[in-house]
Amino acid sequence: MPNKTSFLNSPLNWVFSAPSNIAVIRALKDSREGMSGRAAARAAGFTHQACRRALGDLESAGIIVRQGAGHTQLVRLNFENILVKEALLPMFRAEKSFLESARLQIRNEFGRHARTATLFGSAARKEDEPGSDVDLLLVTDAQDKELLEEKAREFGNRFITEYGVRFSPRALTIREARAKYKKSDPLLKNILTHGIDLLKERLEDIIK
């Protein structure tokens, strides 16, 4: 637990006192019927022991409730709890839409000037951490490359302010992308294998 503060004045200090608490809430937020402690541990990605401690913390705060007894006991969020309804669930809904919101902004920003926009690197592999870049390959017609690069620079300044993440775009003309493909460029091969296409046209269809 954190350095003791009043629960009624600062309940989130108690709820977010351990990463396992947050992970358990995330695991339970969409389960109205509840789940066993072991199932909650698997869904949260923590050991059963860590999950048990988290459940104890959250139960004492009124965030979760238990149903049944013995081996049939289930745990679920207390959906009647004010903190759950007005703070935790809205927060997790915002978290869920965080990446999709970023993707939508990229589509809206570059859809008119790029033929393809492909997310790659740690963000595409779901291995990104705070401080990681959002890597994006933009492929466009030759006459639009300069404009696209300028828009990417402007967008990058807004992106880090809104998402707290650096935006790292690379722009290529279709001709340049095809030349790299023919030379078996290792980065381009990796993008083709692991990248996520964000526009209607796919990178693979453009360069092959």
N, C-alpha and C. Protein backbone atom coordinates (compact mmCIF):
# COMPACT_ATOMS: atom_id res chain seq x y z
N MET A 1 0.84 -1.20 0.00
CA MET A 1 0.00 0.00 0.00
C MET A 1 0.87 1.25 0.00
N PRO A 2 0.36 2.36 -0.56
CA PRO A 2 1.14 3.59 -0.53
C PRO A 2 1.19 4.16 0.87
N ASN A 3 2.00 5.22 1.03
CA ASN A 3 2.00 5.94 2.30
C ASN A 3 0.57 6.34 2.61
N LYS A 4 0.10 6.00 3.78
CA LYS A 4 -1.33 6.07 4.08
C LYS A 4 -1.91 7.47 3.87
N THR A 5 -2.95 7.52 3.08
CA THR A 5 -3.74 8.74 2.91
C THR A 5 -5.18 8.34 3.14
N SER A 6 -6.04 9.32 3.35
CA SER A 6 -7.44 9.04 3.57
C SER A 6 -8.04 8.36 2.35
N PHE A 7 -8.69 7.22 2.55
CA PHE A 7 -9.29 6.50 1.43
C PHE A 7 -10.38 7.34 0.77
N LEU A 8 -11.22 7.98 1.57
CA LEU A 8 -12.32 8.76 1.01
C LEU A 8 -11.83 9.99 0.24
N ASN A 9 -10.70 10.54 0.66
CA ASN A 9 -10.15 11.70 -0.03
C ASN A 9 -9.31 11.32 -1.25
N SER A 10 -8.61 10.20 -1.17
CA SER A 10 -7.70 9.80 -2.26
C SER A 10 -7.84 8.31 -2.56
N PRO A 11 -9.03 7.86 -2.99
CA PRO A 11 -9.22 6.41 -3.19
C PRO A 11 -8.34 5.83 -4.28
N LEU A 12 -7.99 6.63 -5.30
CA LEU A 12 -7.18 6.08 -6.39
C LEU A 12 -5.77 5.76 -5.93
N ASN A 13 -5.27 6.44 -4.88
CA ASN A 13 -3.97 6.06 -4.32
C ASN A 13 -3.97 4.61 -3.87
N TRP A 14 -5.09 4.18 -3.31
CA TRP A 14 -5.22 2.82 -2.81
C TRP A 14 -5.49 1.84 -3.96
N VAL A 15 -6.37 2.21 -4.85
CA VAL A 15 -6.72 1.29 -5.95
C VAL A 15 -5.53 1.04 -6.85
N PHE A 16 -4.72 2.09 -7.13
CA PHE A 16 -3.60 1.96 -8.06
C PHE A 16 -2.28 1.77 -7.34
N SER A 17 -2.32 1.22 -6.14
CA SER A 17 -1.11 1.08 -5.35
C SER A 17 -0.18 -0.01 -5.88
N ALA A 18 -0.66 -0.88 -6.76
CA ALA A 18 0.18 -1.95 -7.32
C ALA A 18 -0.27 -2.24 -8.75
N PRO A 19 0.68 -2.54 -9.65
CA PRO A 19 0.31 -2.87 -11.02
C PRO A 19 -0.68 -4.02 -11.11
N SER A 20 -0.58 -4.98 -10.19
CA SER A 20 -1.48 -6.13 -10.23
C SER A 20 -2.93 -5.70 -9.97
N ASN A 21 -3.13 -4.66 -9.14
CA ASN A 21 -4.49 -4.16 -8.91
C ASN A 21 -5.10 -3.67 -10.22
N ILE A 22 -4.33 -2.89 -10.97
CA ILE A 22 -4.82 -2.33 -12.24
C ILE A 22 -5.11 -3.45 -13.23
N ALA A 23 -4.20 -4.43 -13.30
CA ALA A 23 -4.37 -5.53 -14.25
C ALA A 23 -5.61 -6.37 -13.92
N VAL A 24 -5.89 -6.56 -12.64
CA VAL A 24 -7.07 -7.34 -12.24
C VAL A 24 -8.34 -6.59 -12.61
N ILE A 25 -8.38 -5.29 -12.37
CA ILE A 25 -9.57 -4.50 -12.75
C ILE A 25 -9.78 -4.59 -14.26
N ARG A 26 -8.70 -4.47 -15.02
CA ARG A 26 -8.81 -4.56 -16.48
C ARG A 26 -9.34 -5.93 -16.90
N ALA A 27 -8.90 -6.98 -16.22
CA ALA A 27 -9.35 -8.33 -16.55
C ALA A 27 -10.82 -8.54 -16.24
N LEU A 28 -11.32 -7.88 -15.19
CA LEU A 28 -12.69 -8.11 -14.74
C LEU A 28 -13.71 -7.13 -15.34
N LYS A 29 -13.25 -6.08 -15.99
CA LYS A 29 -14.16 -4.99 -16.35
C LYS A 29 -15.26 -5.38 -17.33
N ASP A 30 -15.03 -6.42 -18.13
CA ASP A 30 -16.04 -6.83 -19.11
C ASP A 30 -16.77 -8.11 -18.71
N SER A 31 -16.58 -8.54 -17.48
CA SER A 31 -17.17 -9.81 -17.04
C SER A 31 -18.22 -9.56 -15.98
N ARG A 32 -19.47 -9.50 -16.40
CA ARG A 32 -20.57 -9.28 -15.45
C ARG A 32 -20.80 -10.50 -14.56
N GLU A 33 -20.54 -11.68 -15.11
CA GLU A 33 -20.79 -12.90 -14.32
C GLU A 33 -19.63 -13.22 -13.40
N GLY A 34 -18.45 -12.62 -13.62
CA GLY A 34 -17.30 -12.87 -12.78
C GLY A 34 -16.46 -14.03 -13.25
N MET A 35 -15.36 -14.28 -12.56
CA MET A 35 -14.48 -15.40 -12.92
C MET A 35 -13.77 -15.88 -11.66
N SER A 36 -13.18 -17.05 -11.76
CA SER A 36 -12.45 -17.59 -10.62
C SER A 36 -11.18 -16.79 -10.39
N GLY A 37 -10.60 -16.94 -9.21
CA GLY A 37 -9.36 -16.24 -8.91
C GLY A 37 -8.25 -16.63 -9.86
N ARG A 38 -8.16 -17.92 -10.18
CA ARG A 38 -7.11 -18.38 -11.10
C ARG A 38 -7.34 -17.84 -12.51
N ALA A 39 -8.60 -17.80 -12.93
CA ALA A 39 -8.89 -17.25 -14.26
C ALA A 39 -8.55 -15.76 -14.30
N ALA A 40 -8.84 -15.06 -13.21
CA ALA A 40 -8.51 -13.63 -13.14
C ALA A 40 -7.00 -13.43 -13.20
N ALA A 41 -6.24 -14.31 -12.52
CA ALA A 41 -4.78 -14.22 -12.55
C ALA A 41 -4.25 -14.42 -13.96
N ARG A 42 -4.80 -15.42 -14.68
CA ARG A 42 -4.35 -15.66 -16.05
C ARG A 42 -4.67 -14.47 -16.93
N ALA A 43 -5.90 -13.94 -16.81
CA ALA A 43 -6.30 -12.81 -17.64
C ALA A 43 -5.48 -11.56 -17.32
N ALA A 44 -5.10 -11.39 -16.05
CA ALA A 44 -4.32 -10.22 -15.64
C ALA A 44 -2.85 -10.36 -15.97
N GLY A 45 -2.39 -11.61 -16.16
CA GLY A 45 -0.98 -11.83 -16.47
C GLY A 45 -0.08 -11.80 -15.25
N PHE A 46 -0.65 -12.09 -14.08
CA PHE A 46 0.13 -12.11 -12.84
C PHE A 46 0.03 -13.50 -12.21
N THR A 47 0.94 -13.79 -11.27
CA THR A 47 0.88 -15.06 -10.56
C THR A 47 -0.39 -15.11 -9.71
N HIS A 48 -0.78 -16.32 -9.35
CA HIS A 48 -1.97 -16.49 -8.52
C HIS A 48 -1.79 -15.78 -7.18
N GLN A 49 -0.57 -15.82 -6.65
CA GLN A 49 -0.30 -15.18 -5.36
C GLN A 49 -0.45 -13.67 -5.46
N ALA A 50 0.12 -13.08 -6.51
CA ALA A 50 0.00 -11.63 -6.70
C ALA A 50 -1.45 -11.22 -6.93
N CYS A 51 -2.15 -12.05 -7.68
CA CYS A 51 -3.56 -11.76 -7.94
C CYS A 51 -4.38 -11.85 -6.66
N ARG A 52 -4.06 -12.82 -5.81
CA ARG A 52 -4.78 -12.96 -4.54
C ARG A 52 -4.61 -11.71 -3.69
N ARG A 53 -3.37 -11.18 -3.65
CA ARG A 53 -3.15 -9.95 -2.88
C ARG A 53 -3.94 -8.79 -3.49
N ALA A 54 -3.95 -8.71 -4.81
CA ALA A 54 -4.68 -7.63 -5.47
C ALA A 54 -6.17 -7.73 -5.18
N LEU A 55 -6.70 -8.94 -5.24
CA LEU A 55 -8.13 -9.13 -4.95
C LEU A 55 -8.45 -8.73 -3.52
N GLY A 56 -7.53 -9.04 -2.60
CA GLY A 56 -7.74 -8.64 -1.21
C GLY A 56 -7.77 -7.12 -1.06
N ASP A 57 -6.82 -6.44 -1.72
CA ASP A 57 -6.80 -4.97 -1.68
C ASP A 57 -8.08 -4.39 -2.26
N LEU A 58 -8.49 -4.91 -3.41
CA LEU A 58 -9.65 -4.35 -4.11
C LEU A 58 -10.96 -4.68 -3.38
N GLU A 59 -11.00 -5.83 -2.75
CA GLU A 59 -12.20 -6.17 -1.97
C GLU A 59 -12.32 -5.25 -0.76
N SER A 60 -11.21 -4.95 -0.10
CA SER A 60 -11.26 -4.08 1.07
C SER A 60 -11.69 -2.66 0.68
N ALA A 61 -11.43 -2.29 -0.57
CA ALA A 61 -11.83 -0.97 -1.06
C ALA A 61 -13.23 -0.97 -1.66
N GLY A 62 -13.88 -2.13 -1.68
CA GLY A 62 -15.23 -2.23 -2.22
C GLY A 62 -15.29 -2.25 -3.74
N ILE A 63 -14.12 -2.45 -4.39
CA ILE A 63 -14.06 -2.43 -5.85
C ILE A 63 -14.52 -3.76 -6.45
N ILE A 64 -14.25 -4.85 -5.75
CA ILE A 64 -14.71 -6.16 -6.21
C ILE A 64 -15.59 -6.80 -5.14
N VAL A 65 -16.39 -7.77 -5.58
CA VAL A 65 -17.21 -8.58 -4.67
C VAL A 65 -17.00 -10.04 -5.02
N ARG A 66 -17.25 -10.90 -4.06
CA ARG A 66 -17.12 -12.34 -4.26
C ARG A 66 -18.50 -12.97 -4.26
N GLN A 67 -18.64 -14.00 -5.08
CA GLN A 67 -19.92 -14.73 -5.18
C GLN A 67 -19.64 -16.21 -5.02
N GLY A 68 -20.56 -16.91 -4.36
CA GLY A 68 -20.39 -18.34 -4.17
C GLY A 68 -19.44 -18.63 -3.03
N ALA A 69 -19.00 -19.90 -2.95
CA ALA A 69 -18.12 -20.31 -1.87
C ALA A 69 -17.22 -21.43 -2.35
N GLY A 70 -16.11 -21.60 -1.66
CA GLY A 70 -15.20 -22.72 -1.95
C GLY A 70 -14.65 -22.64 -3.37
N HIS A 71 -14.63 -23.83 -4.02
CA HIS A 71 -14.07 -23.91 -5.37
C HIS A 71 -14.95 -23.22 -6.40
N THR A 72 -16.19 -22.95 -6.06
CA THR A 72 -17.09 -22.32 -7.03
C THR A 72 -17.15 -20.80 -6.86
N GLN A 73 -16.32 -20.27 -5.96
CA GLN A 73 -16.35 -18.82 -5.71
C GLN A 73 -15.84 -18.05 -6.92
N LEU A 74 -16.57 -17.00 -7.28
CA LEU A 74 -16.18 -16.13 -8.38
C LEU A 74 -15.96 -14.72 -7.85
N VAL A 75 -15.14 -13.95 -8.55
CA VAL A 75 -14.93 -12.55 -8.22
C VAL A 75 -15.36 -11.71 -9.42
N ARG A 76 -15.91 -10.55 -9.13
CA ARG A 76 -16.31 -9.63 -10.20
C ARG A 76 -16.21 -8.21 -9.67
N LEU A 77 -16.20 -7.26 -10.60
CA LEU A 77 -16.22 -5.87 -10.19
C LEU A 77 -17.56 -5.56 -9.52
N ASN A 78 -17.52 -4.65 -8.59
CA ASN A 78 -18.74 -4.15 -7.97
C ASN A 78 -19.26 -3.00 -8.83
N PHE A 79 -20.11 -3.33 -9.78
CA PHE A 79 -20.55 -2.35 -10.77
C PHE A 79 -21.47 -1.28 -10.16
N GLU A 80 -21.89 -1.47 -8.91
CA GLU A 80 -22.69 -0.45 -8.23
C GLU A 80 -21.81 0.56 -7.48
N ASN A 81 -20.53 0.27 -7.37
CA ASN A 81 -19.62 1.15 -6.65
C ASN A 81 -19.42 2.45 -7.44
N ILE A 82 -19.53 3.59 -6.77
CA ILE A 82 -19.43 4.89 -7.44
C ILE A 82 -18.07 5.06 -8.12
N LEU A 83 -17.00 4.65 -7.46
CA LEU A 83 -15.67 4.78 -8.04
C LEU A 83 -15.54 3.94 -9.31
N VAL A 84 -16.13 2.73 -9.29
CA VAL A 84 -16.10 1.87 -10.48
C VAL A 84 -16.89 2.52 -11.61
N LYS A 85 -18.09 3.00 -11.32
CA LYS A 85 -18.96 3.56 -12.36
C LYS A 85 -18.44 4.86 -12.93
N GLU A 86 -17.96 5.75 -12.07
CA GLU A 86 -17.68 7.11 -12.50
C GLU A 86 -16.21 7.39 -12.79
N ALA A 87 -15.32 6.51 -12.35
CA ALA A 87 -13.89 6.76 -12.58
C ALA A 87 -13.22 5.60 -13.32
N LEU A 88 -13.33 4.39 -12.80
CA LEU A 88 -12.54 3.29 -13.34
C LEU A 88 -13.02 2.84 -14.71
N LEU A 89 -14.32 2.58 -14.87
CA LEU A 89 -14.80 2.11 -16.16
C LEU A 89 -14.61 3.15 -17.27
N PRO A 90 -14.92 4.44 -17.04
CA PRO A 90 -14.62 5.44 -18.08
C PRO A 90 -13.13 5.50 -18.43
N MET A 91 -12.27 5.34 -17.43
CA MET A 91 -10.83 5.36 -17.68
C MET A 91 -10.41 4.21 -18.57
N PHE A 92 -10.93 3.01 -18.31
CA PHE A 92 -10.56 1.86 -19.12
C PHE A 92 -11.18 1.93 -20.52
N ARG A 93 -12.35 2.56 -20.64
CA ARG A 93 -12.90 2.78 -21.98
C ARG A 93 -12.00 3.72 -22.78
N ALA A 94 -11.49 4.75 -22.13
CA ALA A 94 -10.58 5.67 -22.81
C ALA A 94 -9.28 4.96 -23.19
N GLU A 95 -8.80 4.09 -22.31
CA GLU A 95 -7.59 3.33 -22.62
C GLU A 95 -7.80 2.44 -23.84
N LYS A 96 -8.96 1.80 -23.90
CA LYS A 96 -9.25 0.89 -24.99
C LYS A 96 -9.26 1.61 -26.34
N SER A 97 -9.72 2.87 -26.34
CA SER A 97 -9.81 3.61 -27.59
C SER A 97 -8.55 4.40 -27.91
N PHE A 98 -7.54 4.32 -27.04
CA PHE A 98 -6.33 5.15 -27.18
C PHE A 98 -5.63 4.87 -28.51
N LEU A 99 -5.32 3.60 -28.78
CA LEU A 99 -4.61 3.26 -30.01
C LEU A 99 -5.48 3.50 -31.24
N GLU A 100 -6.75 3.13 -31.16
CA GLU A 100 -7.63 3.31 -32.32
C GLU A 100 -7.79 4.79 -32.64
N SER A 101 -7.82 5.63 -31.62
CA SER A 101 -7.90 7.06 -31.84
C SER A 101 -6.66 7.56 -32.59
N ALA A 102 -5.48 7.06 -32.20
CA ALA A 102 -4.25 7.44 -32.88
C ALA A 102 -4.27 6.97 -34.33
N ARG A 103 -4.72 5.76 -34.56
CA ARG A 103 -4.80 5.25 -35.94
C ARG A 103 -5.75 6.08 -36.78
N LEU A 104 -6.88 6.46 -36.20
CA LEU A 104 -7.86 7.26 -36.93
C LEU A 104 -7.28 8.61 -37.31
N GLN A 105 -6.54 9.22 -36.41
CA GLN A 105 -5.92 10.50 -36.72
C GLN A 105 -4.93 10.36 -37.86
N ILE A 106 -4.17 9.28 -37.87
CA ILE A 106 -3.21 9.04 -38.96
C ILE A 106 -3.95 8.88 -40.28
N ARG A 107 -5.03 8.11 -40.26
CA ARG A 107 -5.81 7.93 -41.51
C ARG A 107 -6.34 9.26 -42.02
N ASN A 108 -6.91 10.05 -41.12
CA ASN A 108 -7.49 11.33 -41.52
C ASN A 108 -6.43 12.30 -42.03
N GLU A 109 -5.24 12.26 -41.43
CA GLU A 109 -4.19 13.20 -41.78
C GLU A 109 -3.55 12.88 -43.12
N PHE A 110 -3.34 11.59 -43.40
CA PHE A 110 -2.54 11.21 -44.56
C PHE A 110 -3.33 10.51 -45.67
N GLY A 111 -4.60 10.26 -45.43
CA GLY A 111 -5.39 9.51 -46.40
C GLY A 111 -5.48 10.14 -47.77
N ARG A 112 -5.42 11.47 -47.84
CA ARG A 112 -5.56 12.16 -49.13
C ARG A 112 -4.25 12.26 -49.89
N HIS A 113 -3.12 12.14 -49.20
CA HIS A 113 -1.83 12.38 -49.85
C HIS A 113 -0.93 11.16 -49.89
N ALA A 114 -1.28 10.09 -49.19
CA ALA A 114 -0.48 8.87 -49.20
C ALA A 114 -1.29 7.75 -49.86
N ARG A 115 -0.59 6.90 -50.56
CA ARG A 115 -1.25 5.72 -51.12
C ARG A 115 -1.38 4.64 -50.05
N THR A 116 -0.32 4.49 -49.26
CA THR A 116 -0.37 3.53 -48.14
C THR A 116 0.24 4.18 -46.90
N ALA A 117 -0.21 3.74 -45.75
CA ALA A 117 0.36 4.14 -44.46
C ALA A 117 0.46 2.88 -43.62
N THR A 118 1.67 2.47 -43.28
CA THR A 118 1.89 1.18 -42.61
C THR A 118 2.60 1.38 -41.28
N LEU A 119 1.93 1.00 -40.21
CA LEU A 119 2.51 1.04 -38.87
C LEU A 119 3.48 -0.12 -38.73
N PHE A 120 4.68 0.17 -38.22
CA PHE A 120 5.65 -0.91 -38.03
C PHE A 120 6.44 -0.68 -36.76
N GLY A 121 7.37 -1.57 -36.48
CA GLY A 121 8.19 -1.44 -35.27
C GLY A 121 7.47 -1.94 -34.04
N SER A 122 7.88 -1.44 -32.88
CA SER A 122 7.39 -1.96 -31.61
C SER A 122 5.88 -1.75 -31.44
N ALA A 123 5.34 -0.64 -31.97
CA ALA A 123 3.89 -0.40 -31.84
C ALA A 123 3.10 -1.45 -32.60
N ALA A 124 3.58 -1.85 -33.78
CA ALA A 124 2.88 -2.88 -34.56
C ALA A 124 2.99 -4.24 -33.89
N ARG A 125 4.13 -4.49 -33.23
CA ARG A 125 4.33 -5.78 -32.55
C ARG A 125 3.73 -5.81 -31.15
N LYS A 126 3.16 -4.68 -30.70
CA LYS A 126 2.61 -4.53 -29.35
C LYS A 126 3.68 -4.73 -28.29
N GLU A 127 4.88 -4.22 -28.58
CA GLU A 127 5.99 -4.30 -27.64
C GLU A 127 6.46 -2.90 -27.23
N ASP A 128 5.70 -1.87 -27.58
CA ASP A 128 6.12 -0.51 -27.31
C ASP A 128 6.03 -0.19 -25.81
N GLU A 129 6.90 0.70 -25.37
CA GLU A 129 6.96 1.15 -23.99
C GLU A 129 6.93 2.68 -23.98
N PRO A 130 6.74 3.30 -22.81
CA PRO A 130 6.85 4.76 -22.75
C PRO A 130 8.21 5.19 -23.31
N GLY A 131 8.20 6.14 -24.22
CA GLY A 131 9.43 6.58 -24.87
C GLY A 131 9.66 5.95 -26.22
N SER A 132 8.91 4.89 -26.55
CA SER A 132 9.04 4.28 -27.87
C SER A 132 8.46 5.21 -28.94
N ASP A 133 9.00 5.12 -30.15
CA ASP A 133 8.46 5.88 -31.27
C ASP A 133 7.30 5.12 -31.92
N VAL A 134 6.40 5.88 -32.55
CA VAL A 134 5.41 5.29 -33.44
C VAL A 134 5.99 5.39 -34.85
N ASP A 135 6.40 4.26 -35.39
CA ASP A 135 7.03 4.22 -36.72
C ASP A 135 5.97 4.02 -37.79
N LEU A 136 6.02 4.85 -38.83
CA LEU A 136 5.03 4.79 -39.89
C LEU A 136 5.73 4.95 -41.23
N LEU A 137 5.47 4.02 -42.14
CA LEU A 137 5.97 4.14 -43.51
C LEU A 137 4.85 4.66 -44.39
N LEU A 138 5.10 5.78 -45.05
CA LEU A 138 4.14 6.38 -45.98
C LEU A 138 4.67 6.22 -47.39
N VAL A 139 3.85 5.68 -48.27
CA VAL A 139 4.23 5.54 -49.67
C VAL A 139 3.26 6.36 -50.50
N THR A 140 3.81 7.17 -51.41
CA THR A 140 2.99 8.12 -52.14
C THR A 140 3.46 8.27 -53.57
N ASP A 141 2.65 8.93 -54.38
CA ASP A 141 3.06 9.27 -55.73
C ASP A 141 4.17 10.32 -55.66
N ALA A 142 5.03 10.36 -56.65
CA ALA A 142 6.22 11.21 -56.61
C ALA A 142 5.87 12.68 -56.37
N GLN A 143 4.82 13.17 -57.00
CA GLN A 143 4.50 14.60 -56.90
C GLN A 143 3.99 15.00 -55.51
N ASP A 144 3.62 14.02 -54.68
CA ASP A 144 3.06 14.33 -53.36
C ASP A 144 4.06 14.14 -52.22
N LYS A 145 5.27 13.67 -52.52
CA LYS A 145 6.20 13.31 -51.44
C LYS A 145 6.59 14.52 -50.59
N GLU A 146 6.92 15.63 -51.21
CA GLU A 146 7.36 16.81 -50.44
C GLU A 146 6.25 17.32 -49.54
N LEU A 147 5.04 17.39 -50.07
CA LEU A 147 3.90 17.84 -49.26
C LEU A 147 3.65 16.86 -48.11
N LEU A 148 3.77 15.57 -48.38
CA LEU A 148 3.54 14.56 -47.36
C LEU A 148 4.55 14.66 -46.23
N GLU A 149 5.81 14.91 -46.57
CA GLU A 149 6.85 15.04 -45.56
C GLU A 149 6.59 16.26 -44.67
N GLU A 150 6.13 17.35 -45.27
CA GLU A 150 5.82 18.55 -44.50
C GLU A 150 4.64 18.30 -43.55
N LYS A 151 3.61 17.63 -44.05
CA LYS A 151 2.45 17.31 -43.21
C LYS A 151 2.86 16.38 -42.07
N ALA A 152 3.77 15.45 -42.35
CA ALA A 152 4.23 14.51 -41.32
C ALA A 152 4.97 15.24 -40.21
N ARG A 153 5.78 16.24 -40.56
CA ARG A 153 6.49 17.01 -39.53
C ARG A 153 5.51 17.78 -38.65
N GLU A 154 4.54 18.41 -39.26
CA GLU A 154 3.54 19.17 -38.49
C GLU A 154 2.71 18.23 -37.61
N PHE A 155 2.33 17.09 -38.17
CA PHE A 155 1.52 16.13 -37.43
C PHE A 155 2.30 15.58 -36.24
N GLY A 156 3.61 15.36 -36.43
CA GLY A 156 4.44 14.83 -35.35
C GLY A 156 4.46 15.74 -34.13
N ASN A 157 4.47 17.05 -34.36
CA ASN A 157 4.46 18.00 -33.24
C ASN A 157 3.17 17.91 -32.45
N ARG A 158 2.05 17.73 -33.15
CA ARG A 158 0.77 17.60 -32.45
C ARG A 158 0.65 16.24 -31.76
N PHE A 159 1.17 15.22 -32.40
CA PHE A 159 1.01 13.85 -31.93
C PHE A 159 1.66 13.65 -30.56
N ILE A 160 2.87 14.18 -30.39
CA ILE A 160 3.56 13.98 -29.11
C ILE A 160 2.85 14.73 -27.99
N THR A 161 2.22 15.86 -28.33
CA THR A 161 1.46 16.60 -27.31
C THR A 161 0.22 15.84 -26.89
N GLU A 162 -0.49 15.24 -27.87
CA GLU A 162 -1.76 14.58 -27.58
C GLU A 162 -1.59 13.16 -27.04
N TYR A 163 -0.53 12.47 -27.46
CA TYR A 163 -0.40 11.06 -27.09
C TYR A 163 0.84 10.76 -26.25
N GLY A 164 1.73 11.74 -26.10
CA GLY A 164 2.92 11.52 -25.30
C GLY A 164 3.91 10.58 -25.94
N VAL A 165 3.82 10.41 -27.26
CA VAL A 165 4.65 9.46 -27.99
C VAL A 165 5.24 10.17 -29.21
N ARG A 166 6.52 9.92 -29.48
CA ARG A 166 7.14 10.51 -30.66
C ARG A 166 6.64 9.82 -31.93
N PHE A 167 6.37 10.61 -32.95
CA PHE A 167 5.90 10.12 -34.24
C PHE A 167 7.08 10.11 -35.20
N SER A 168 7.40 8.95 -35.75
CA SER A 168 8.58 8.80 -36.58
C SER A 168 8.19 8.28 -37.97
N PRO A 169 7.83 9.19 -38.90
CA PRO A 169 7.40 8.75 -40.23
C PRO A 169 8.56 8.64 -41.21
N ARG A 170 8.41 7.80 -42.20
CA ARG A 170 9.33 7.72 -43.33
C ARG A 170 8.49 7.74 -44.59
N ALA A 171 8.82 8.63 -45.49
CA ALA A 171 8.05 8.76 -46.73
C ALA A 171 8.88 8.27 -47.91
N LEU A 172 8.27 7.46 -48.75
CA LEU A 172 8.90 6.97 -49.97
C LEU A 172 7.93 7.14 -51.13
N THR A 173 8.47 7.38 -52.31
CA THR A 173 7.63 7.31 -53.49
C THR A 173 7.41 5.84 -53.83
N ILE A 174 6.42 5.57 -54.64
CA ILE A 174 6.18 4.18 -55.05
C ILE A 174 7.42 3.62 -55.72
N ARG A 175 8.05 4.42 -56.56
CA ARG A 175 9.26 3.97 -57.26
C ARG A 175 10.37 3.62 -56.27
N GLU A 176 10.56 4.46 -55.27
CA GLU A 176 11.59 4.19 -54.27
C GLU A 176 11.28 2.93 -53.47
N ALA A 177 10.02 2.75 -53.13
CA ALA A 177 9.63 1.57 -52.37
C ALA A 177 9.84 0.30 -53.18
N ARG A 178 9.49 0.35 -54.45
CA ARG A 178 9.67 -0.82 -55.31
C ARG A 178 11.15 -1.15 -55.49
N ALA A 179 11.99 -0.12 -55.60
CA ALA A 179 13.43 -0.36 -55.74
C ALA A 179 13.99 -1.03 -54.49
N LYS A 180 13.54 -0.60 -53.31
CA LYS A 180 13.99 -1.22 -52.07
C LYS A 180 13.52 -2.67 -51.99
N TYR A 181 12.31 -2.91 -52.46
CA TYR A 181 11.78 -4.28 -52.44
C TYR A 181 12.60 -5.20 -53.34
N LYS A 182 12.95 -4.70 -54.51
CA LYS A 182 13.74 -5.52 -55.45
C LYS A 182 15.13 -5.81 -54.91
N LYS A 183 15.65 -4.90 -54.08
CA LYS A 183 16.97 -5.10 -53.49
C LYS A 183 16.90 -5.87 -52.17
N SER A 184 15.71 -6.33 -51.83
CA SER A 184 15.50 -7.09 -50.58
C SER A 184 15.93 -6.29 -49.36
N ASP A 185 15.55 -5.02 -49.34
CA ASP A 185 15.86 -4.16 -48.20
C ASP A 185 15.33 -4.80 -46.92
N PRO A 186 16.18 -5.03 -45.90
CA PRO A 186 15.74 -5.76 -44.70
C PRO A 186 14.64 -5.05 -43.93
N LEU A 187 14.70 -3.72 -43.84
CA LEU A 187 13.65 -3.00 -43.12
C LEU A 187 12.32 -3.14 -43.83
N LEU A 188 12.33 -2.99 -45.15
CA LEU A 188 11.08 -3.11 -45.89
C LEU A 188 10.52 -4.53 -45.79
N LYS A 189 11.38 -5.52 -45.82
CA LYS A 189 10.92 -6.91 -45.67
C LYS A 189 10.26 -7.10 -44.30
N ASN A 190 10.85 -6.50 -43.27
CA ASN A 190 10.28 -6.61 -41.93
C ASN A 190 8.93 -5.92 -41.86
N ILE A 191 8.81 -4.75 -42.51
CA ILE A 191 7.54 -4.03 -42.51
C ILE A 191 6.47 -4.84 -43.23
N LEU A 192 6.83 -5.47 -44.33
CA LEU A 192 5.86 -6.29 -45.06
C LEU A 192 5.40 -7.48 -44.22
N THR A 193 6.27 -7.99 -43.38
CA THR A 193 5.94 -9.17 -42.57
C THR A 193 5.11 -8.80 -41.34
N HIS A 194 5.49 -7.72 -40.67
CA HIS A 194 4.89 -7.41 -39.37
C HIS A 194 4.06 -6.13 -39.35
N GLY A 195 4.12 -5.34 -40.43
CA GLY A 195 3.45 -4.05 -40.42
C GLY A 195 1.93 -4.16 -40.47
N ILE A 196 1.28 -3.06 -40.07
CA ILE A 196 -0.19 -2.98 -40.07
C ILE A 196 -0.60 -1.86 -41.01
N ASP A 197 -1.31 -2.20 -42.08
CA ASP A 197 -1.77 -1.21 -43.05
C ASP A 197 -2.95 -0.43 -42.47
N LEU A 198 -2.88 0.91 -42.56
CA LEU A 198 -3.91 1.75 -41.98
C LEU A 198 -4.84 2.38 -43.02
N LEU A 199 -4.46 2.34 -44.29
CA LEU A 199 -5.32 2.89 -45.36
C LEU A 199 -5.90 1.75 -46.20
N LYS A 200 -6.73 2.10 -47.14
CA LYS A 200 -7.42 1.08 -47.94
C LYS A 200 -6.45 0.26 -48.76
N GLU A 201 -5.46 0.92 -49.37
CA GLU A 201 -4.49 0.19 -50.16
C GLU A 201 -3.43 -0.41 -49.26
N ARG A 202 -2.96 -1.61 -49.60
CA ARG A 202 -1.95 -2.30 -48.82
C ARG A 202 -0.57 -2.07 -49.40
N LEU A 203 0.43 -1.98 -48.55
CA LEU A 203 1.80 -1.81 -49.01
C LEU A 203 2.21 -2.92 -49.97
N GLU A 204 1.85 -4.13 -49.62
CA GLU A 204 2.22 -5.28 -50.45
C GLU A 204 1.68 -5.14 -51.86
N ASP A 205 0.46 -4.66 -52.01
CA ASP A 205 -0.15 -4.53 -53.34
C ASP A 205 0.49 -3.39 -54.15
N ILE A 206 1.03 -2.41 -53.47
CA ILE A 206 1.61 -1.25 -54.15
C ILE A 206 2.98 -1.55 -54.73
N ILE A 207 3.78 -2.32 -54.01
CA ILE A 207 5.18 -2.45 -54.40
C ILE A 207 5.53 -3.75 -55.11
N LYS A 208 4.66 -4.73 -55.06
CA LYS A 208 5.00 -6.01 -55.69
C LYS A 208 4.52 -6.03 -57.14
